[in-house]
Amino acid sequence: MKLRILQGRRRGREYSVGKDPVTIGRAPQCDIIIPDDQLVSSEHADVRMDEQGQLVIRDLESVNGTEVNGESVEESVLKPGDEVAIGSTVFEVIEEADRRARESEPPPPPKRAPATERLPVVTKPATEDVEEKVEEERPRKKKMEEVEEAEEAGEEVPAELNFGGKPKRAAKKPTAPIGRRLMSLALTAVIVIVIIAGGIFIWTQIQPGIQRMAPGVSMGGDSRRLDLFYEKVHASTQNIFRFALRFSGDKVTLNVDDLKQRRHVQREKKVSENLAIELIRQIENGSFDKLEKPKYGGFPADQQEMAVIELTRGTRVKRVEIENTIAPDAFVNAQKVLEDFAQNELGIAAINRSREELIKEADDALLRGKQLFEQRDVADANLYNAIKAFQLVQIDLEIIEPKPANYAVAVQSETTAKDMLKERINNLRFNAEQASKLGEWTKAQTCLSEILARVPDREDERYKEADRKLIGVQGHLPRR
């Protein structure tokens, strides 16, 4: 039996399966490696032939599970035509053709025509045939030589030498005028010069970026391309924890895997180019570009600890890797900058805390949110702060599986509070606009000021809009 990839990076590749288990996963030691797929565990599943000759697949307690024909399985017998989904890769089970049997069969004997009675044939001796052919070819050969001599001399070929045809004038090869030939040569020379000059120019532009940046060289230079990659892995016999952050163009992506806690976090967010430049500037200020070695390695241990940071600016790259050793201060500073960024911009502070701590904080936040919602008319900002509390519950419980009942309660409570706040803000906007049209500037000021009180976050678009309008309204009020 064979596994053939129907969907994935190595589409069309086939793998034979025998009695020995064939391991599938991201790890280099696997028999079938599926790289760069965060949905695939290091050792995701294995396939083998059992004693009855059946093909069996077994899930190796992977994070995202194994599917056969769209159904999640722990162990299943496979048949030809079954489809197996592991992460983003889909395999098809096919039968391996038994070519050896066909190749070992002897070819069928050629068919023979039925025997027929032959009459005796009288032939000449072979020597007489050869002499007659030589005598016949001599006059013809001589005529052909005379024709070639006449054509080379440009003379008219006699009819008797034209093998029965009419006399003809030997054709002369046309020759191009000298001026046209000189013009063609000059044009060719110009093209060659332009190609050489263009090649020299291109080489001078790209040559500085062909070699990787040497240790100690500043990251300054061409900023048209900004890429950043940070990965941290802690692996042991009990658990594998992976933190991977990639900053490319205007997008940042984050993947966090914790096998022991069965956590998988995947985030993606668009960011401004200025934020990327500022992040790289902070890393450079921590002397990251002055690290002298591309890799700092220690001794093998029971626990594997690895971290790598790679910065790309334009055509220049700086990459430093740490493995089983104490990282230099410059590398530690860069790690702190990147992890603080992920925590603040992507909201993954919960990943480094225990399950019990997260559940307790979520319970407290849900209780606080309910109290603020019930007291929404006591203070203008209570409804807004209740929404923030319900959102904190969801952040804390996002990576907890299975999710407690409080998660669904927080989602529903947030939706109700948001709809209520939206209705109140829209009513205040309408009243402010009507008052402005009627010249009732004091009433318009009161409505806009209440919006600011109900949405206390200065970065909120509703706050910014109300603040801009309030400045215009205050211009119509009498000065005290």
Protein backbone atom coordinates (compact mmCIF):
# COMPACT_ATOMS: atom_id res chain seq x y z
CA MET A 1 0.00 0.00 0.00
CA LYS A 2 1.05 3.59 -0.55
CA LEU A 3 0.19 7.08 0.69
CA ARG A 4 0.03 9.76 -2.01
CA ILE A 5 -0.21 13.48 -1.19
CA LEU A 6 -3.38 14.95 -2.75
CA GLN A 7 -3.09 18.40 -1.17
CA GLY A 8 -0.02 20.08 0.27
CA ARG A 9 3.43 21.40 -0.60
CA ARG A 10 4.64 18.00 -1.90
CA ARG A 11 1.55 17.17 -3.94
CA GLY A 12 1.92 13.99 -5.99
CA ARG A 13 4.70 12.43 -3.88
CA GLU A 14 4.11 8.79 -2.87
CA TYR A 15 5.31 6.87 0.20
CA SER A 16 5.32 3.07 0.56
CA VAL A 17 4.16 1.56 3.86
CA GLY A 18 5.25 -1.82 5.18
CA LYS A 19 5.25 -3.62 8.53
CA ASP A 20 7.54 -1.02 10.14
CA PRO A 21 5.65 2.09 11.36
CA VAL A 22 5.97 5.18 9.14
CA THR A 23 5.91 8.33 11.31
CA ILE A 24 4.34 11.57 10.03
CA GLY A 25 5.06 14.99 11.59
CA ARG A 26 7.13 18.20 11.60
CA ALA A 27 10.17 16.75 13.38
CA PRO A 28 13.27 15.96 11.25
CA GLN A 29 13.35 12.37 12.53
CA CYS A 30 9.93 11.57 11.03
CA ASP A 31 9.71 9.32 7.96
CA ILE A 32 7.24 11.71 6.25
CA ILE A 33 8.13 15.31 7.17
CA ILE A 34 5.53 18.09 6.83
CA PRO A 35 7.51 21.31 7.47
CA ASP A 36 6.16 24.85 8.14
CA ASP A 37 2.63 23.67 9.06
CA GLN A 38 1.72 24.85 12.57
CA LEU A 39 -1.32 22.54 12.61
CA VAL A 40 1.00 19.49 12.50
CA SER A 41 2.62 18.22 15.71
CA SER A 42 6.27 17.16 15.89
CA GLU A 43 5.23 13.49 15.77
CA HIS A 44 1.61 13.63 14.65
CA ALA A 45 0.66 10.08 13.55
CA ASP A 46 2.08 6.79 12.32
CA VAL A 47 0.97 4.26 9.67
CA ARG A 48 1.84 0.54 9.52
CA MET A 49 0.69 -2.84 8.18
CA ASP A 50 -0.75 -5.11 10.91
CA GLU A 51 -0.45 -8.90 11.08
CA GLN A 52 -3.61 -9.32 8.96
CA GLY A 53 -2.09 -7.20 6.20
CA GLN A 54 -4.36 -4.21 6.91
CA LEU A 55 -3.09 -0.64 6.76
CA VAL A 56 -3.64 1.06 10.14
CA ILE A 57 -3.16 4.75 11.07
CA ARG A 58 -2.74 5.83 14.70
CA ASP A 59 -2.86 9.39 16.07
CA LEU A 60 0.10 10.10 18.41
CA GLU A 61 -1.85 12.41 20.77
CA SER A 62 -1.44 15.32 18.34
CA VAL A 63 -2.73 18.79 19.21
CA ASN A 64 -5.12 19.15 16.25
CA GLY A 65 -5.95 15.47 15.68
CA THR A 66 -6.02 13.20 12.62
CA GLU A 67 -8.98 12.85 10.24
CA VAL A 68 -9.94 9.95 7.93
CA ASN A 69 -12.57 10.82 5.33
CA GLY A 70 -13.52 13.94 7.33
CA GLU A 71 -13.88 12.19 10.72
CA SER A 72 -11.45 12.54 13.64
CA VAL A 73 -9.88 9.22 14.63
CA GLU A 74 -7.43 7.87 17.19
CA GLU A 75 -6.81 4.61 15.29
CA SER A 76 -8.41 3.42 12.07
CA VAL A 77 -8.01 0.78 9.36
CA LEU A 78 -7.35 2.37 5.95
CA LYS A 79 -8.65 1.14 2.60
CA PRO A 80 -7.71 2.15 -0.95
CA GLY A 81 -9.41 5.45 -1.77
CA ASP A 82 -9.51 6.73 1.86
CA GLU A 83 -8.34 10.31 2.44
CA VAL A 84 -6.26 11.16 5.52
CA ALA A 85 -5.99 14.82 6.67
CA ILE A 86 -3.03 15.83 8.85
CA GLY A 87 -2.93 19.57 9.29
CA SER A 88 -3.19 21.19 5.85
CA THR A 89 -1.89 18.06 4.07
CA VAL A 90 -4.27 15.44 2.65
CA PHE A 91 -3.08 11.91 1.77
CA GLU A 92 -4.86 9.31 -0.41
CA VAL A 93 -4.47 5.58 0.20
CA ILE A 94 -3.62 3.73 -3.02
CA GLU A 95 -2.66 0.17 -3.92
CA GLU A 96 0.92 -0.51 -4.99
CA ALA A 97 0.94 -2.18 -8.42
CA ASP A 98 2.61 -5.60 -8.49
CA ARG A 99 4.97 -4.91 -11.37
CA ARG A 100 7.38 -7.68 -10.45
CA ALA A 101 4.93 -10.42 -11.40
CA ARG A 102 4.26 -8.86 -14.77
CA GLU A 103 7.96 -8.30 -15.46
CA SER A 104 8.79 -11.95 -14.61
CA GLU A 105 6.34 -13.38 -17.19
CA PRO A 106 8.13 -14.48 -20.41
CA PRO A 107 7.08 -12.57 -23.55
CA PRO A 108 4.69 -14.47 -25.87
CA PRO A 109 6.36 -16.24 -28.84
CA PRO A 110 6.13 -14.36 -32.13
CA LYS A 111 3.43 -15.56 -34.51
CA ARG A 112 4.71 -17.35 -37.61
CA ALA A 113 3.11 -17.28 -41.03
CA PRO A 114 2.00 -20.67 -42.46
CA ALA A 115 4.61 -22.41 -44.48
CA THR A 116 4.20 -22.12 -48.26
CA GLU A 117 5.88 -24.04 -51.05
CA ARG A 118 8.62 -22.01 -52.69
CA LEU A 119 9.78 -22.40 -56.28
CA PRO A 120 13.48 -22.57 -57.00
CA VAL A 121 14.96 -19.27 -58.14
CA VAL A 122 17.84 -19.08 -60.59
CA THR A 123 20.31 -16.36 -59.59
CA LYS A 124 23.51 -15.02 -60.99
CA PRO A 125 26.76 -15.35 -59.17
CA ALA A 126 27.30 -12.50 -56.73
CA THR A 127 30.49 -11.34 -58.48
CA GLU A 128 28.65 -10.80 -61.78
CA ASP A 129 26.01 -8.57 -60.09
CA VAL A 130 28.66 -6.34 -58.49
CA GLU A 131 30.56 -5.88 -61.77
CA GLU A 132 27.37 -4.91 -63.67
CA LYS A 133 26.39 -2.28 -61.04
CA VAL A 134 29.88 -0.72 -61.07
CA GLU A 135 29.80 -0.40 -64.87
CA GLU A 136 26.35 1.26 -64.74
CA GLU A 137 27.40 3.81 -62.09
CA ARG A 138 30.61 5.02 -63.79
CA PRO A 139 28.96 7.16 -66.57
CA ARG A 140 26.44 8.65 -64.13
CA LYS A 141 29.12 9.57 -61.63
CA LYS A 142 31.20 11.24 -64.33
CA LYS A 143 28.20 13.31 -65.50
CA MET A 144 27.53 14.51 -61.95
CA GLU A 145 31.16 15.66 -61.56
CA GLU A 146 30.94 17.63 -64.83
CA VAL A 147 27.67 19.30 -63.71
CA GLU A 148 29.23 20.36 -60.38
CA GLU A 149 32.27 21.86 -62.18
CA ALA A 150 30.01 23.85 -64.54
CA GLU A 151 27.87 25.17 -61.68
CA GLU A 152 30.92 26.25 -59.67
CA ALA A 153 32.27 28.15 -62.69
CA GLY A 154 28.90 29.83 -63.29
CA GLU A 155 28.66 28.39 -66.78
CA GLU A 156 25.61 27.07 -68.54
CA VAL A 157 25.03 23.38 -67.93
CA PRO A 158 24.68 21.52 -71.29
CA ALA A 159 21.45 19.65 -71.85
CA GLU A 160 23.23 16.36 -72.28
CA LEU A 161 24.72 16.76 -68.79
CA ASN A 162 21.35 17.74 -67.27
CA PHE A 163 20.08 14.16 -67.38
CA GLY A 164 17.53 14.80 -70.11
CA GLY A 165 16.54 18.31 -69.03
CA LYS A 166 16.99 21.70 -70.74
CA PRO A 167 20.18 23.73 -70.47
CA LYS A 168 20.20 25.82 -67.28
CA ARG A 169 22.35 28.55 -65.82
CA ALA A 170 23.99 27.67 -62.52
CA ALA A 171 22.42 29.64 -59.67
CA LYS A 172 24.68 32.08 -57.85
CA LYS A 173 24.29 32.76 -54.17
CA PRO A 174 22.87 36.26 -53.52
CA THR A 175 25.17 38.62 -51.69
CA ALA A 176 23.98 41.48 -49.49
CA PRO A 177 25.12 45.03 -50.28
CA ILE A 178 28.26 46.09 -48.37
CA GLY A 179 26.48 49.06 -46.71
CA ARG A 180 23.75 46.86 -45.29
CA ARG A 181 26.28 44.40 -43.90
CA LEU A 182 28.26 47.19 -42.22
CA MET A 183 25.06 48.60 -40.68
CA SER A 184 24.15 45.16 -39.28
CA LEU A 185 27.60 44.75 -37.72
CA ALA A 186 27.40 48.22 -36.14
CA LEU A 187 23.95 47.51 -34.66
CA THR A 188 25.18 44.22 -33.20
CA ALA A 189 28.14 46.00 -31.59
CA VAL A 190 25.84 48.62 -30.01
CA ILE A 191 23.57 45.92 -28.55
CA VAL A 192 26.55 44.08 -27.04
CA ILE A 193 27.85 47.31 -25.44
CA VAL A 194 24.43 48.12 -23.95
CA ILE A 195 24.10 44.60 -22.47
CA ILE A 196 27.57 44.76 -20.90
CA ALA A 197 26.96 48.23 -19.45
CA GLY A 198 23.58 47.17 -18.04
CA GLY A 199 25.09 44.09 -16.46
CA ILE A 200 27.82 46.14 -14.79
CA PHE A 201 25.23 48.58 -13.39
CA ILE A 202 23.01 45.81 -12.01
CA TRP A 203 25.99 44.07 -10.43
CA THR A 204 27.06 47.25 -8.63
CA GLN A 205 23.54 47.59 -7.22
CA ILE A 206 23.04 44.05 -5.92
CA GLN A 207 26.60 43.04 -5.08
CA PRO A 208 26.60 44.54 -1.55
CA GLY A 209 23.61 42.40 -0.60
CA ILE A 210 24.83 39.08 -1.97
CA GLN A 211 26.83 38.24 1.13
CA ARG A 212 25.13 37.99 4.51
CA MET A 213 25.91 40.72 6.96
CA ALA A 214 29.06 40.00 8.90
CA PRO A 215 28.96 40.04 12.74
CA GLY A 216 29.22 43.52 14.16
CA VAL A 217 27.89 45.30 11.05
CA SER A 218 25.10 47.81 11.69
CA MET A 219 21.61 46.98 10.51
CA GLY A 220 21.27 50.44 9.00
CA GLY A 221 20.82 50.73 5.25
CA ASP A 222 18.05 49.95 2.83
CA SER A 223 14.74 49.92 4.71
CA ARG A 224 12.49 49.02 1.79
CA ARG A 225 12.16 45.47 3.14
CA LEU A 226 11.63 44.88 6.86
CA ASP A 227 11.34 41.31 8.12
CA LEU A 228 11.75 39.98 11.63
CA PHE A 229 11.53 36.42 12.95
CA TYR A 230 11.78 35.23 16.56
CA GLU A 231 11.37 31.64 17.76
CA LYS A 232 11.81 30.12 21.21
CA VAL A 233 11.51 26.38 21.94
CA HIS A 234 11.68 24.47 25.24
CA ALA A 235 11.52 20.70 24.72
CA SER A 236 11.69 17.81 27.17
CA THR A 237 10.29 14.31 27.54
CA GLN A 238 7.24 15.80 29.32
CA ASN A 239 6.39 18.77 27.13
CA ILE A 240 7.19 20.92 24.09
CA PHE A 241 6.62 24.68 24.25
CA ARG A 242 7.09 26.81 21.12
CA PHE A 243 6.74 30.58 20.69
CA ALA A 244 7.13 31.92 17.12
CA LEU A 245 6.70 35.57 16.09
CA ARG A 246 7.06 36.79 12.49
CA PHE A 247 6.99 40.41 11.37
CA SER A 248 6.77 40.81 7.56
CA GLY A 249 5.63 43.91 5.70
CA ASP A 250 2.50 45.26 7.38
CA LYS A 251 1.53 41.99 9.06
CA VAL A 252 2.61 40.27 12.28
CA THR A 253 1.75 36.63 13.01
CA LEU A 254 2.14 34.68 16.23
CA ASN A 255 1.98 30.94 16.95
CA VAL A 256 2.23 29.51 20.47
CA ASP A 257 2.06 25.76 21.15
CA ASP A 258 2.05 24.11 24.57
CA LEU A 259 1.54 20.35 24.25
CA LYS A 260 1.24 19.63 27.97
CA GLN A 261 -1.53 22.17 28.47
CA ARG A 262 -2.99 21.34 25.02
CA ARG A 263 -2.83 25.02 24.10
CA HIS A 264 -2.55 26.43 20.62
CA VAL A 265 -2.70 30.18 20.03
CA GLN A 266 -2.56 31.71 16.56
CA ARG A 267 -2.82 35.46 16.08
CA GLU A 268 -2.48 37.76 13.08
CA LYS A 269 -2.64 41.54 12.97
CA LYS A 270 -1.90 44.35 10.56
CA VAL A 271 0.57 46.95 11.83
CA SER A 272 2.05 50.16 10.49
CA GLU A 273 5.53 50.34 8.97
CA ASN A 274 6.50 52.94 11.59
CA LEU A 275 5.78 50.38 14.34
CA ALA A 276 8.05 47.84 12.64
CA ILE A 277 10.85 50.41 12.30
CA GLU A 278 10.49 51.39 15.96
CA LEU A 279 10.59 47.74 17.07
CA ILE A 280 13.78 47.06 15.10
CA ARG A 281 15.31 50.31 16.42
CA GLN A 282 14.73 49.17 20.01
CA ILE A 283 16.42 45.84 19.26
CA GLU A 284 19.40 47.56 17.63
CA ASN A 285 19.75 49.95 20.58
CA GLY A 286 20.20 46.89 22.77
CA SER A 287 23.42 46.07 20.84
CA PHE A 288 21.93 43.07 19.06
CA ASP A 289 23.80 43.96 15.85
CA LYS A 290 27.10 43.84 17.76
CA LEU A 291 26.81 40.15 18.66
CA GLU A 292 29.91 38.51 17.19
CA LYS A 293 28.76 34.91 16.63
CA PRO A 294 25.92 33.61 14.46
CA LYS A 295 25.38 30.77 16.97
CA TYR A 296 26.04 30.34 20.69
CA GLY A 297 25.87 26.65 21.62
CA GLY A 298 26.29 24.65 24.81
CA PHE A 299 26.33 20.98 25.69
CA PRO A 300 23.54 18.49 24.95
CA ALA A 301 21.08 18.07 27.81
CA ASP A 302 17.88 16.25 28.70
CA GLN A 303 16.00 19.47 28.03
CA GLN A 304 16.42 21.28 24.73
CA GLU A 305 16.32 25.09 24.89
CA MET A 306 16.68 27.01 21.66
CA ALA A 307 16.01 30.58 20.54
CA VAL A 308 16.72 32.41 17.29
CA ILE A 309 16.29 36.03 16.15
CA GLU A 310 16.65 37.06 12.51
CA LEU A 311 16.40 40.66 11.32
CA THR A 312 16.21 41.62 7.64
CA ARG A 313 16.45 45.19 6.44
CA GLY A 314 16.66 45.61 2.69
CA THR A 315 19.25 43.12 1.47
CA ARG A 316 21.06 42.78 4.80
CA VAL A 317 20.39 39.99 7.28
CA LYS A 318 21.46 39.48 10.89
CA ARG A 319 20.72 36.08 12.46
CA VAL A 320 21.75 34.84 15.91
CA GLU A 321 20.88 31.46 17.41
CA ILE A 322 21.15 30.32 21.05
CA GLU A 323 21.10 26.63 21.99
CA ASN A 324 21.48 25.10 25.48
CA THR A 325 23.56 27.95 26.86
CA ILE A 326 23.18 31.28 28.67
CA ALA A 327 22.26 33.95 26.13
CA PRO A 328 24.30 37.19 25.89
CA ASP A 329 22.71 40.30 27.40
CA ALA A 330 22.10 41.83 23.96
CA PHE A 331 20.10 38.76 22.91
CA VAL A 332 18.11 38.76 26.17
CA ASN A 333 17.27 42.45 25.67
CA ALA A 334 16.00 41.72 22.15
CA GLN A 335 13.88 38.82 23.48
CA LYS A 336 12.27 41.11 26.07
CA VAL A 337 11.42 43.73 23.43
CA LEU A 338 9.77 41.12 21.20
CA GLU A 339 7.84 39.33 23.96
CA ASP A 340 6.61 42.65 25.44
CA PHE A 341 5.43 43.61 21.95
CA ALA A 342 3.52 40.33 21.56
CA GLN A 343 1.95 40.74 24.99
CA ASN A 344 0.87 44.36 24.46
CA GLU A 345 -0.15 44.24 20.78
CA LEU A 346 -1.46 40.69 20.49
CA GLY A 347 -2.79 40.03 24.00
CA ILE A 348 -0.99 36.80 24.86
CA ALA A 349 -0.06 37.53 28.47
CA ALA A 350 -2.14 34.52 29.51
CA ILE A 351 0.14 31.99 27.83
CA ASN A 352 2.78 32.14 30.59
CA ARG A 353 0.31 31.60 33.46
CA SER A 354 -1.16 28.43 34.92
CA ARG A 355 -4.65 27.16 34.19
CA GLU A 356 -5.77 27.76 37.78
CA GLU A 357 -4.59 31.39 37.76
CA LEU A 358 -6.36 32.11 34.49
CA ILE A 359 -9.65 30.58 35.60
CA LYS A 360 -9.59 32.51 38.90
CA GLU A 361 -8.86 35.83 37.16
CA ALA A 362 -11.64 35.13 34.65
CA ASP A 363 -14.14 34.43 37.44
CA ASP A 364 -13.23 37.71 39.18
CA ALA A 365 -13.46 39.67 35.93
CA LEU A 366 -16.89 38.20 35.13
CA LEU A 367 -18.21 39.14 38.59
CA ARG A 368 -16.83 42.68 38.22
CA GLY A 369 -18.36 43.03 34.76
CA LYS A 370 -21.79 41.96 35.99
CA GLN A 371 -21.65 44.49 38.85
CA LEU A 372 -20.66 47.34 36.51
CA PHE A 373 -23.42 46.39 34.07
CA GLU A 374 -26.05 46.44 36.83
CA GLN A 375 -24.77 49.88 37.91
CA ARG A 376 -24.57 51.23 34.34
CA ASP A 377 -26.77 54.24 35.22
CA VAL A 378 -24.79 55.14 38.34
CA ALA A 379 -21.73 56.35 36.41
CA ASP A 380 -21.39 57.12 32.70
CA ALA A 381 -18.26 54.95 32.24
CA ASN A 382 -19.66 51.83 33.97
CA LEU A 383 -21.11 50.30 30.80
CA TYR A 384 -17.84 50.78 28.89
CA ASN A 385 -15.80 49.28 31.77
CA ALA A 386 -18.20 46.32 31.99
CA ILE A 387 -17.45 45.54 28.33
CA LYS A 388 -13.70 45.59 29.07
CA ALA A 389 -14.21 43.18 31.98
CA PHE A 390 -16.17 40.72 29.79
CA GLN A 391 -13.41 40.91 27.16
CA LEU A 392 -10.77 40.08 29.81
CA VAL A 393 -12.69 36.91 30.68
CA GLN A 394 -12.48 35.78 27.04
CA ILE A 395 -8.76 36.58 26.82
CA ASP A 396 -8.00 34.53 29.94
CA LEU A 397 -10.08 31.55 28.83
CA GLU A 398 -9.16 31.61 25.15
CA ILE A 399 -6.35 29.07 25.51
CA ILE A 400 -8.16 26.90 28.09
CA GLU A 401 -9.64 23.65 26.76
CA PRO A 402 -12.31 22.61 27.44
CA LYS A 403 -13.63 26.10 28.12
CA PRO A 404 -15.53 26.76 31.39
CA ALA A 405 -19.16 27.89 31.23
CA ASN A 406 -18.09 31.45 32.13
CA TYR A 407 -16.63 31.86 28.65
CA ALA A 408 -20.02 31.67 26.91
CA VAL A 409 -21.58 33.91 29.61
CA ALA A 410 -18.89 36.55 29.00
CA VAL A 411 -19.41 36.46 25.22
CA GLN A 412 -23.17 36.96 25.55
CA SER A 413 -22.79 39.66 28.21
CA GLU A 414 -20.28 41.57 26.07
CA THR A 415 -22.66 41.53 23.08
CA THR A 416 -25.57 42.84 25.19
CA ALA A 417 -23.47 45.61 26.75
CA LYS A 418 -22.01 46.67 23.38
CA ASP A 419 -25.45 46.93 21.77
CA MET A 420 -26.71 49.03 24.68
CA LEU A 421 -23.70 51.38 24.60
CA LYS A 422 -23.98 51.74 20.81
CA GLU A 423 -27.64 52.74 21.09
CA ARG A 424 -26.87 55.37 23.72
CA ILE A 425 -23.96 56.82 21.75
CA ASN A 426 -26.06 57.02 18.57
CA ASN A 427 -28.86 58.87 20.44
CA LEU A 428 -26.36 61.37 21.84
CA ARG A 429 -24.85 61.92 18.38
CA PHE A 430 -28.29 62.55 16.86
CA ASN A 431 -29.26 65.01 19.60
CA ALA A 432 -25.93 66.86 19.25
CA GLU A 433 -26.37 67.21 15.47
CA GLN A 434 -29.95 68.47 15.79
CA ALA A 435 -28.95 70.98 18.44
CA SER A 436 -26.08 72.23 16.25
CA LYS A 437 -28.45 72.73 13.30
CA LEU A 438 -30.84 74.74 15.50
CA GLY A 439 -28.02 76.78 17.03
CA GLU A 440 -28.56 75.28 20.48
CA TRP A 441 -24.84 75.12 21.19
CA THR A 442 -25.12 74.52 24.94
CA LYS A 443 -27.27 71.43 24.39
CA ALA A 444 -24.89 70.17 21.70
CA GLN A 445 -21.97 70.66 24.09
CA THR A 446 -23.76 68.65 26.80
CA CYS A 447 -24.46 65.71 24.43
CA LEU A 448 -20.88 65.56 23.13
CA SER A 449 -19.42 65.82 26.63
CA GLU A 450 -21.58 62.87 27.72
CA ILE A 451 -20.18 60.77 24.83
CA LEU A 452 -16.66 61.49 26.11
CA ALA A 453 -17.70 60.40 29.58
CA ARG A 454 -19.31 57.17 28.37
CA VAL A 455 -16.27 56.26 26.21
CA PRO A 456 -13.28 57.29 28.38
CA ASP A 457 -10.63 55.76 26.09
CA ARG A 458 -8.93 58.58 24.13
CA GLU A 459 -7.82 56.11 21.42
CA ASP A 460 -11.42 55.02 20.72
CA GLU A 461 -12.74 56.41 17.43
CA ARG A 462 -16.01 57.44 19.08
CA TYR A 463 -14.08 59.54 21.59
CA LYS A 464 -11.98 61.17 18.86
CA GLU A 465 -15.03 62.03 16.75
CA ALA A 466 -16.93 63.57 19.68
CA ASP A 467 -13.86 65.53 20.78
CA ARG A 468 -13.42 67.06 17.30
CA LYS A 469 -17.06 68.12 17.14
CA LEU A 470 -16.92 69.51 20.67
CA ILE A 471 -14.09 71.85 19.71
CA GLY A 472 -16.22 73.24 16.87
CA VAL A 473 -19.28 73.67 19.10
CA GLN A 474 -17.32 75.47 21.81
CA GLY A 475 -16.30 78.05 19.24
CA HIS A 476 -19.93 79.18 19.07
CA LEU A 477 -20.35 79.53 22.84
CA PRO A 478 -19.84 82.92 24.51
CA ARG A 479 -16.55 83.28 26.32
CA ARG A 480 -16.72 83.71 30.07
